[in-house]
Structure formats: C-alpha cells, structure tokens
C-alpha cells in the first residue's frame, strides 16, 4: 500500500539523491520547477530526460539504466500509462545495483499495480502527491 502517513512521507523525502524521470528543461512547468525547488533545498537531483542534454545545470540521462551514480528515490513526472515501464526499470536497477529505495509518483500520476510490484521488492512508494507541497509541509 503506498505511503500516505506523514512519517512515511518524511522517510521518502529524506531519500537522496533523487532521479527525476521526465525532468523538464522548461521553467514554469511542474517537472522543472519542483526539481529546482528540491535542488534549492539541498537535494541532489539527477535529471532523466532523453530529449535534453542538461537540466538544472546537470547532465540529463536518457534512462535510469544510464545513470552511473547511486539513486535513492525515483520521482516520476510521466503519464500514468508509462509508470509500469518505469517501475520495470526501477526494479531492474534495484536488483542489479542494489540502489533505489523508493518511488514517488507526482500529483495526478497513479498506478496501483506497478507500485504493488515495487513494494513487493521492498521499496517505499507513494502516488498522486506533490514532492514540493509535501516537503514544504513536512520538512522546510
């Protein structure tokens, strides 16, 4: 069951670094401004966007598999229909590299079945929540 309580959300928010799948190069879009907010609050943001070379002053990776450094949390800014494939990539990485401890689906993004698979592998998850809102409410 996805995390909904404040203690569980604080635990997810403490995971760092965060790979942001669908991180945008466009200021004003949530997929840009929320990762920028996290970066401004001390979080290491790893942008994943196959259509960008750089986002928020960092190299953008084409996929989670291409990220060389350790990932603690995967934050998803992609449509709900794409979550299953993203969770497949998360689980492959978790199994192969032993990293990724959580999956966060942003506001409006849900996939109960995919998150159940992630939870079955021991990952903490939440969905349909904004990291910026929850960070501001619980941490900042």
N, C-alpha and C. Protein backbone atom coordinates (compact mmCIF):
# COMPACT_ATOMS: atom_id res chain seq x y z
N UNK A 1 0.85 -1.18 0.00
CA UNK A 1 0.00 0.00 0.00
C UNK A 1 0.89 1.25 0.00
N UNK A 2 0.67 2.16 -0.91
CA UNK A 2 1.50 3.37 -0.94
C UNK A 2 1.46 4.15 0.38
N UNK A 3 2.56 4.80 0.68
CA UNK A 3 2.69 5.60 1.88
C UNK A 3 1.74 6.79 1.81
N UNK A 4 1.01 7.02 2.90
CA UNK A 4 0.12 8.17 2.98
C UNK A 4 0.31 8.95 4.29
N UNK A 5 0.97 8.34 5.28
CA UNK A 5 1.12 9.00 6.57
C UNK A 5 2.35 9.91 6.57
N UNK A 6 2.34 10.89 7.45
CA UNK A 6 3.42 11.89 7.48
C UNK A 6 4.79 11.29 7.76
N UNK A 7 4.87 10.30 8.65
CA UNK A 7 6.18 9.68 8.94
C UNK A 7 6.74 8.99 7.70
N UNK A 8 5.89 8.27 6.99
CA UNK A 8 6.33 7.59 5.78
C UNK A 8 6.73 8.57 4.69
N UNK A 9 5.97 9.67 4.58
CA UNK A 9 6.32 10.70 3.59
C UNK A 9 7.64 11.37 3.94
N UNK A 10 7.87 11.62 5.24
CA UNK A 10 9.16 12.20 5.65
C UNK A 10 10.31 11.26 5.28
N UNK A 11 10.10 9.96 5.47
CA UNK A 11 11.14 8.99 5.11
C UNK A 11 11.44 9.05 3.62
N UNK A 12 10.40 9.07 2.80
CA UNK A 12 10.61 9.19 1.35
C UNK A 12 11.33 10.50 1.00
N UNK A 13 10.91 11.59 1.63
CA UNK A 13 11.51 12.90 1.35
C UNK A 13 12.97 12.99 1.80
N UNK A 14 13.38 12.11 2.70
CA UNK A 14 14.77 12.12 3.18
C UNK A 14 15.70 11.37 2.23
N UNK A 15 15.13 10.63 1.27
CA UNK A 15 15.95 9.84 0.34
C UNK A 15 16.63 10.78 -0.65
N UNK A 16 17.93 10.60 -0.80
CA UNK A 16 18.75 11.47 -1.63
C UNK A 16 19.95 10.66 -2.13
N UNK A 17 20.29 10.74 -3.38
CA UNK A 17 19.80 11.60 -4.45
C UNK A 17 18.49 11.09 -5.07
N UNK A 18 17.84 12.02 -5.80
CA UNK A 18 16.57 11.75 -6.45
C UNK A 18 16.73 11.83 -7.95
N UNK A 19 16.41 10.72 -8.64
CA UNK A 19 16.37 10.73 -10.10
C UNK A 19 14.97 11.16 -10.51
N UNK A 20 14.88 12.19 -11.32
CA UNK A 20 13.58 12.73 -11.74
C UNK A 20 13.33 12.31 -13.19
N UNK A 21 12.46 11.33 -13.37
CA UNK A 21 12.13 10.83 -14.69
C UNK A 21 11.09 11.77 -15.30
N UNK A 22 11.46 12.38 -16.42
CA UNK A 22 10.59 13.37 -17.05
C UNK A 22 10.92 14.78 -16.64
N UNK A 23 12.09 14.98 -16.06
CA UNK A 23 12.54 16.31 -15.64
C UNK A 23 12.57 17.22 -16.87
N UNK A 24 11.95 18.38 -16.75
CA UNK A 24 11.79 19.28 -17.90
C UNK A 24 12.83 20.40 -17.92
N UNK A 25 13.15 20.84 -19.12
CA UNK A 25 14.04 21.99 -19.31
C UNK A 25 13.27 23.31 -19.29
N UNK A 26 11.95 23.25 -19.21
CA UNK A 26 11.10 24.44 -19.36
C UNK A 26 10.68 25.03 -18.02
N UNK A 27 11.27 26.18 -17.64
CA UNK A 27 10.81 26.85 -16.42
C UNK A 27 9.31 27.14 -16.51
N UNK A 28 8.64 26.99 -15.38
CA UNK A 28 7.19 27.19 -15.34
C UNK A 28 6.42 25.89 -15.39
N UNK A 29 7.06 24.83 -15.88
CA UNK A 29 6.43 23.51 -15.85
C UNK A 29 6.74 22.86 -14.51
N UNK A 30 5.78 22.15 -13.96
CA UNK A 30 5.98 21.47 -12.68
C UNK A 30 7.19 20.54 -12.73
N UNK A 31 7.40 19.87 -13.87
CA UNK A 31 8.51 18.93 -14.00
C UNK A 31 9.87 19.62 -14.03
N UNK A 32 9.89 20.93 -14.07
CA UNK A 32 11.12 21.71 -13.95
C UNK A 32 11.18 22.40 -12.58
N UNK A 33 10.09 23.05 -12.21
CA UNK A 33 10.09 23.88 -11.00
C UNK A 33 10.17 23.07 -9.72
N UNK A 34 9.55 21.89 -9.67
CA UNK A 34 9.61 21.07 -8.46
C UNK A 34 11.02 20.50 -8.26
N UNK A 35 11.65 19.93 -9.29
CA UNK A 35 13.04 19.51 -9.10
C UNK A 35 13.96 20.69 -8.73
N UNK A 36 13.71 21.87 -9.30
CA UNK A 36 14.51 23.05 -8.95
C UNK A 36 14.33 23.39 -7.48
N UNK A 37 13.10 23.32 -7.00
CA UNK A 37 12.82 23.56 -5.58
C UNK A 37 13.59 22.55 -4.72
N UNK A 38 13.54 21.28 -5.08
CA UNK A 38 14.25 20.26 -4.31
C UNK A 38 15.75 20.54 -4.31
N UNK A 39 16.29 20.90 -5.47
CA UNK A 39 17.71 21.23 -5.58
C UNK A 39 18.05 22.42 -4.69
N UNK A 40 17.20 23.44 -4.70
CA UNK A 40 17.41 24.63 -3.87
C UNK A 40 17.36 24.32 -2.38
N UNK A 41 16.72 23.21 -2.02
CA UNK A 41 16.62 22.81 -0.62
C UNK A 41 17.59 21.68 -0.27
N UNK A 42 18.67 21.57 -1.05
CA UNK A 42 19.77 20.68 -0.70
C UNK A 42 19.69 19.27 -1.23
N UNK A 43 18.70 18.96 -2.02
CA UNK A 43 18.56 17.62 -2.57
C UNK A 43 19.39 17.51 -3.86
N UNK A 44 20.06 16.40 -4.02
CA UNK A 44 20.77 16.15 -5.27
C UNK A 44 19.77 15.60 -6.28
N UNK A 45 19.53 16.34 -7.34
CA UNK A 45 18.58 15.97 -8.38
C UNK A 45 19.34 15.46 -9.60
N UNK A 46 18.95 14.28 -10.06
CA UNK A 46 19.53 13.67 -11.25
C UNK A 46 18.45 13.66 -12.32
N UNK A 47 18.56 14.55 -13.33
CA UNK A 47 17.52 14.60 -14.36
C UNK A 47 17.60 13.42 -15.34
N UNK A 48 16.42 12.85 -15.62
CA UNK A 48 16.31 11.79 -16.62
C UNK A 48 15.34 12.28 -17.68
N UNK A 49 15.89 12.60 -18.86
CA UNK A 49 15.11 13.12 -19.97
C UNK A 49 15.89 12.85 -21.25
N UNK A 50 15.43 11.92 -22.08
CA UNK A 50 16.18 11.56 -23.28
C UNK A 50 16.24 12.66 -24.34
N UNK A 51 15.47 13.73 -24.15
CA UNK A 51 15.44 14.80 -25.13
C UNK A 51 16.24 16.03 -24.70
N UNK A 52 16.92 15.92 -23.58
CA UNK A 52 17.71 17.06 -23.07
C UNK A 52 19.14 16.62 -22.80
N UNK A 53 20.07 17.53 -23.03
CA UNK A 53 21.47 17.27 -22.69
C UNK A 53 21.75 17.67 -21.25
N UNK A 54 21.07 18.72 -20.80
CA UNK A 54 21.31 19.26 -19.46
C UNK A 54 20.00 19.83 -18.91
N UNK A 55 19.77 19.62 -17.62
CA UNK A 55 18.63 20.20 -16.93
C UNK A 55 19.12 20.64 -15.55
N UNK A 56 18.78 21.86 -15.16
CA UNK A 56 19.14 22.38 -13.83
C UNK A 56 20.64 22.34 -13.59
N UNK A 57 21.41 22.58 -14.66
CA UNK A 57 22.85 22.62 -14.52
C UNK A 57 23.52 21.27 -14.41
N UNK A 58 22.77 20.20 -14.65
CA UNK A 58 23.32 18.84 -14.56
C UNK A 58 23.10 18.10 -15.87
N UNK A 59 23.99 17.17 -16.15
CA UNK A 59 23.80 16.30 -17.30
C UNK A 59 22.48 15.55 -17.15
N UNK A 60 21.71 15.50 -18.22
CA UNK A 60 20.47 14.73 -18.23
C UNK A 60 20.77 13.36 -18.83
N UNK A 61 20.24 12.33 -18.21
CA UNK A 61 20.44 10.96 -18.68
C UNK A 61 19.24 10.52 -19.52
N UNK A 62 19.50 9.62 -20.45
CA UNK A 62 18.44 9.12 -21.32
C UNK A 62 17.48 8.18 -20.59
N UNK A 63 17.98 7.45 -19.60
CA UNK A 63 17.16 6.48 -18.88
C UNK A 63 17.76 6.24 -17.50
N UNK A 64 17.00 5.58 -16.63
CA UNK A 64 17.52 5.23 -15.31
C UNK A 64 18.73 4.31 -15.43
N UNK A 65 18.72 3.42 -16.40
CA UNK A 65 19.84 2.49 -16.59
C UNK A 65 21.13 3.22 -16.93
N UNK A 66 21.04 4.41 -17.52
CA UNK A 66 22.22 5.17 -17.93
C UNK A 66 22.85 5.95 -16.78
N UNK A 67 22.16 6.09 -15.67
CA UNK A 67 22.67 6.86 -14.53
C UNK A 67 23.76 6.05 -13.84
N UNK A 68 24.99 6.60 -13.82
CA UNK A 68 26.12 5.90 -13.22
C UNK A 68 26.13 5.97 -11.70
N UNK A 69 25.66 7.10 -11.17
CA UNK A 69 25.72 7.29 -9.73
C UNK A 69 24.55 6.60 -9.02
N UNK A 70 24.67 6.50 -7.72
CA UNK A 70 23.63 5.86 -6.92
C UNK A 70 22.36 6.71 -6.91
N UNK A 71 21.22 6.05 -6.90
CA UNK A 71 19.91 6.69 -6.82
C UNK A 71 19.21 6.14 -5.58
N UNK A 72 18.62 7.02 -4.78
CA UNK A 72 17.85 6.58 -3.62
C UNK A 72 16.35 6.57 -3.92
N UNK A 73 15.89 7.60 -4.61
CA UNK A 73 14.45 7.77 -4.88
C UNK A 73 14.26 8.12 -6.35
N UNK A 74 13.23 7.55 -6.95
CA UNK A 74 12.85 7.90 -8.32
C UNK A 74 11.54 8.67 -8.25
N UNK A 75 11.57 9.91 -8.73
CA UNK A 75 10.42 10.80 -8.77
C UNK A 75 9.93 10.83 -10.22
N UNK A 76 8.63 10.54 -10.42
CA UNK A 76 8.11 10.35 -11.78
C UNK A 76 7.19 11.49 -12.20
N UNK A 77 7.56 12.13 -13.31
CA UNK A 77 6.76 13.16 -13.98
C UNK A 77 6.38 12.68 -15.37
N UNK A 78 5.82 11.52 -15.48
CA UNK A 78 5.38 10.97 -16.76
C UNK A 78 3.94 10.51 -16.60
N UNK A 79 3.20 10.35 -17.70
CA UNK A 79 1.81 9.93 -17.60
C UNK A 79 1.66 8.57 -16.90
N UNK A 80 0.52 8.38 -16.27
CA UNK A 80 0.25 7.13 -15.56
C UNK A 80 0.47 5.90 -16.43
N UNK A 81 0.15 6.00 -17.73
CA UNK A 81 0.32 4.86 -18.64
C UNK A 81 1.78 4.42 -18.75
N UNK A 82 2.72 5.29 -18.43
CA UNK A 82 4.14 4.96 -18.55
C UNK A 82 4.75 4.43 -17.25
N UNK A 83 3.98 4.46 -16.17
CA UNK A 83 4.53 4.09 -14.86
C UNK A 83 4.97 2.63 -14.84
N UNK A 84 4.21 1.73 -15.44
CA UNK A 84 4.56 0.32 -15.41
C UNK A 84 5.97 0.09 -15.95
N UNK A 85 6.28 0.71 -17.09
CA UNK A 85 7.61 0.56 -17.67
C UNK A 85 8.70 1.20 -16.82
N UNK A 86 8.38 2.32 -16.21
CA UNK A 86 9.35 2.99 -15.35
C UNK A 86 9.63 2.13 -14.12
N UNK A 87 8.58 1.55 -13.55
CA UNK A 87 8.78 0.66 -12.40
C UNK A 87 9.58 -0.57 -12.81
N UNK A 88 9.37 -1.08 -14.02
CA UNK A 88 10.21 -2.18 -14.52
C UNK A 88 11.68 -1.77 -14.49
N UNK A 89 11.98 -0.55 -14.96
CA UNK A 89 13.35 -0.05 -14.96
C UNK A 89 13.88 0.11 -13.54
N UNK A 90 13.04 0.60 -12.63
CA UNK A 90 13.43 0.76 -11.23
C UNK A 90 13.77 -0.60 -10.63
N UNK A 91 12.91 -1.59 -10.85
CA UNK A 91 13.13 -2.91 -10.26
C UNK A 91 14.37 -3.57 -10.84
N UNK A 92 14.63 -3.40 -12.13
CA UNK A 92 15.85 -3.94 -12.74
C UNK A 92 17.07 -3.30 -12.10
N UNK A 93 17.02 -2.01 -11.92
CA UNK A 93 18.14 -1.30 -11.30
C UNK A 93 18.31 -1.73 -9.85
N UNK A 94 17.21 -1.84 -9.13
CA UNK A 94 17.24 -2.25 -7.72
C UNK A 94 17.88 -3.64 -7.59
N UNK A 95 17.51 -4.53 -8.49
CA UNK A 95 18.06 -5.88 -8.46
C UNK A 95 19.53 -5.92 -8.87
N UNK A 96 19.87 -5.19 -9.94
CA UNK A 96 21.24 -5.23 -10.47
C UNK A 96 22.24 -4.45 -9.62
N UNK A 97 21.83 -3.27 -9.14
CA UNK A 97 22.77 -2.38 -8.46
C UNK A 97 22.53 -2.25 -6.97
N UNK A 98 21.37 -2.70 -6.52
CA UNK A 98 21.07 -2.62 -5.09
C UNK A 98 20.71 -1.24 -4.60
N UNK A 99 20.48 -0.32 -5.52
CA UNK A 99 20.06 1.01 -5.08
C UNK A 99 18.58 1.21 -5.41
N UNK A 100 18.09 2.37 -5.25
CA UNK A 100 16.69 2.79 -5.36
C UNK A 100 15.89 2.17 -4.22
N UNK A 101 15.52 3.03 -3.27
CA UNK A 101 14.76 2.60 -2.11
C UNK A 101 13.31 3.05 -2.17
N UNK A 102 12.97 3.93 -3.12
CA UNK A 102 11.61 4.42 -3.18
C UNK A 102 11.22 4.95 -4.54
N UNK A 103 9.89 5.02 -4.74
CA UNK A 103 9.30 5.55 -5.96
C UNK A 103 8.22 6.55 -5.56
N UNK A 104 8.28 7.74 -6.13
CA UNK A 104 7.31 8.80 -5.86
C UNK A 104 6.65 9.16 -7.18
N UNK A 105 5.32 8.99 -7.25
CA UNK A 105 4.56 9.41 -8.43
C UNK A 105 3.93 10.75 -8.11
N UNK A 106 4.22 11.74 -8.94
CA UNK A 106 3.76 13.10 -8.70
C UNK A 106 2.24 13.22 -8.79
N UNK A 107 1.75 14.37 -8.40
CA UNK A 107 0.32 14.67 -8.37
C UNK A 107 -0.33 14.34 -9.71
N UNK A 108 -1.42 13.56 -9.66
CA UNK A 108 -2.13 13.18 -10.87
C UNK A 108 -1.63 11.91 -11.53
N UNK A 109 -0.57 11.31 -10.99
CA UNK A 109 0.02 10.11 -11.58
C UNK A 109 -0.21 8.95 -10.62
N UNK A 110 -0.83 7.88 -11.13
CA UNK A 110 -1.13 6.71 -10.30
C UNK A 110 -0.96 5.42 -11.10
N UNK A 111 -0.61 4.36 -10.38
CA UNK A 111 -0.60 3.00 -10.93
C UNK A 111 -0.47 2.04 -9.75
N UNK A 112 -1.61 1.59 -9.24
CA UNK A 112 -1.63 0.72 -8.07
C UNK A 112 -0.86 -0.58 -8.29
N UNK A 113 -1.04 -1.19 -9.44
CA UNK A 113 -0.39 -2.48 -9.72
C UNK A 113 1.12 -2.34 -9.79
N UNK A 114 1.61 -1.32 -10.49
CA UNK A 114 3.06 -1.13 -10.60
C UNK A 114 3.66 -0.84 -9.22
N UNK A 115 2.99 -0.01 -8.43
CA UNK A 115 3.52 0.28 -7.10
C UNK A 115 3.48 -0.94 -6.20
N UNK A 116 2.48 -1.78 -6.35
CA UNK A 116 2.43 -3.02 -5.56
C UNK A 116 3.64 -3.90 -5.88
N UNK A 117 4.05 -3.94 -7.14
CA UNK A 117 5.25 -4.70 -7.50
C UNK A 117 6.50 -4.10 -6.86
N UNK A 118 6.58 -2.76 -6.86
CA UNK A 118 7.73 -2.09 -6.24
C UNK A 118 7.75 -2.37 -4.74
N UNK A 119 6.60 -2.30 -4.11
CA UNK A 119 6.51 -2.57 -2.67
C UNK A 119 6.88 -4.02 -2.38
N UNK A 120 6.48 -4.94 -3.25
CA UNK A 120 6.83 -6.35 -3.09
C UNK A 120 8.33 -6.58 -3.12
N UNK A 121 9.05 -5.67 -3.79
CA UNK A 121 10.52 -5.76 -3.85
C UNK A 121 11.17 -5.00 -2.69
N UNK A 122 10.35 -4.45 -1.78
CA UNK A 122 10.89 -3.77 -0.61
C UNK A 122 11.04 -2.27 -0.73
N UNK A 123 10.52 -1.67 -1.80
CA UNK A 123 10.64 -0.23 -1.98
C UNK A 123 9.46 0.49 -1.33
N UNK A 124 9.71 1.67 -0.79
CA UNK A 124 8.66 2.54 -0.30
C UNK A 124 8.09 3.29 -1.50
N UNK A 125 6.78 3.52 -1.49
CA UNK A 125 6.16 4.21 -2.62
C UNK A 125 5.10 5.18 -2.14
N UNK A 126 4.80 6.14 -2.98
CA UNK A 126 3.62 6.98 -2.84
C UNK A 126 3.21 7.44 -4.22
N UNK A 127 1.97 7.88 -4.33
CA UNK A 127 1.46 8.32 -5.63
C UNK A 127 0.47 9.46 -5.46
N UNK A 128 0.28 10.19 -6.56
CA UNK A 128 -0.68 11.28 -6.59
C UNK A 128 -0.39 12.33 -5.51
N UNK A 129 0.90 12.62 -5.30
CA UNK A 129 1.33 13.62 -4.31
C UNK A 129 2.44 14.48 -4.91
N UNK A 130 2.46 15.73 -4.53
CA UNK A 130 3.49 16.66 -4.99
C UNK A 130 4.63 16.70 -3.98
N UNK A 131 5.84 16.42 -4.43
CA UNK A 131 7.00 16.45 -3.53
C UNK A 131 7.23 17.84 -2.95
N UNK A 132 7.02 18.87 -3.74
CA UNK A 132 7.23 20.24 -3.25
C UNK A 132 6.25 20.57 -2.14
N UNK A 133 4.99 20.25 -2.34
CA UNK A 133 3.97 20.52 -1.32
C UNK A 133 4.29 19.75 -0.04
N UNK A 134 4.57 18.46 -0.18
CA UNK A 134 4.84 17.64 1.00
C UNK A 134 6.13 18.05 1.69
N UNK A 135 7.15 18.41 0.93
CA UNK A 135 8.40 18.88 1.51
C UNK A 135 8.15 20.17 2.29
N UNK A 136 7.43 21.10 1.67
CA UNK A 136 7.13 22.37 2.33
C UNK A 136 6.32 22.17 3.61
N UNK A 137 5.42 21.22 3.59
CA UNK A 137 4.55 20.95 4.74
C UNK A 137 5.28 20.20 5.85
N UNK A 138 6.17 19.28 5.50
CA UNK A 138 6.76 18.39 6.49
C UNK A 138 8.22 18.67 6.84
N UNK A 139 8.97 19.30 5.94
CA UNK A 139 10.42 19.44 6.13
C UNK A 139 10.86 20.89 6.22
N UNK A 140 10.49 21.70 5.25
CA UNK A 140 11.01 23.08 5.13
C UNK A 140 10.59 23.97 6.28
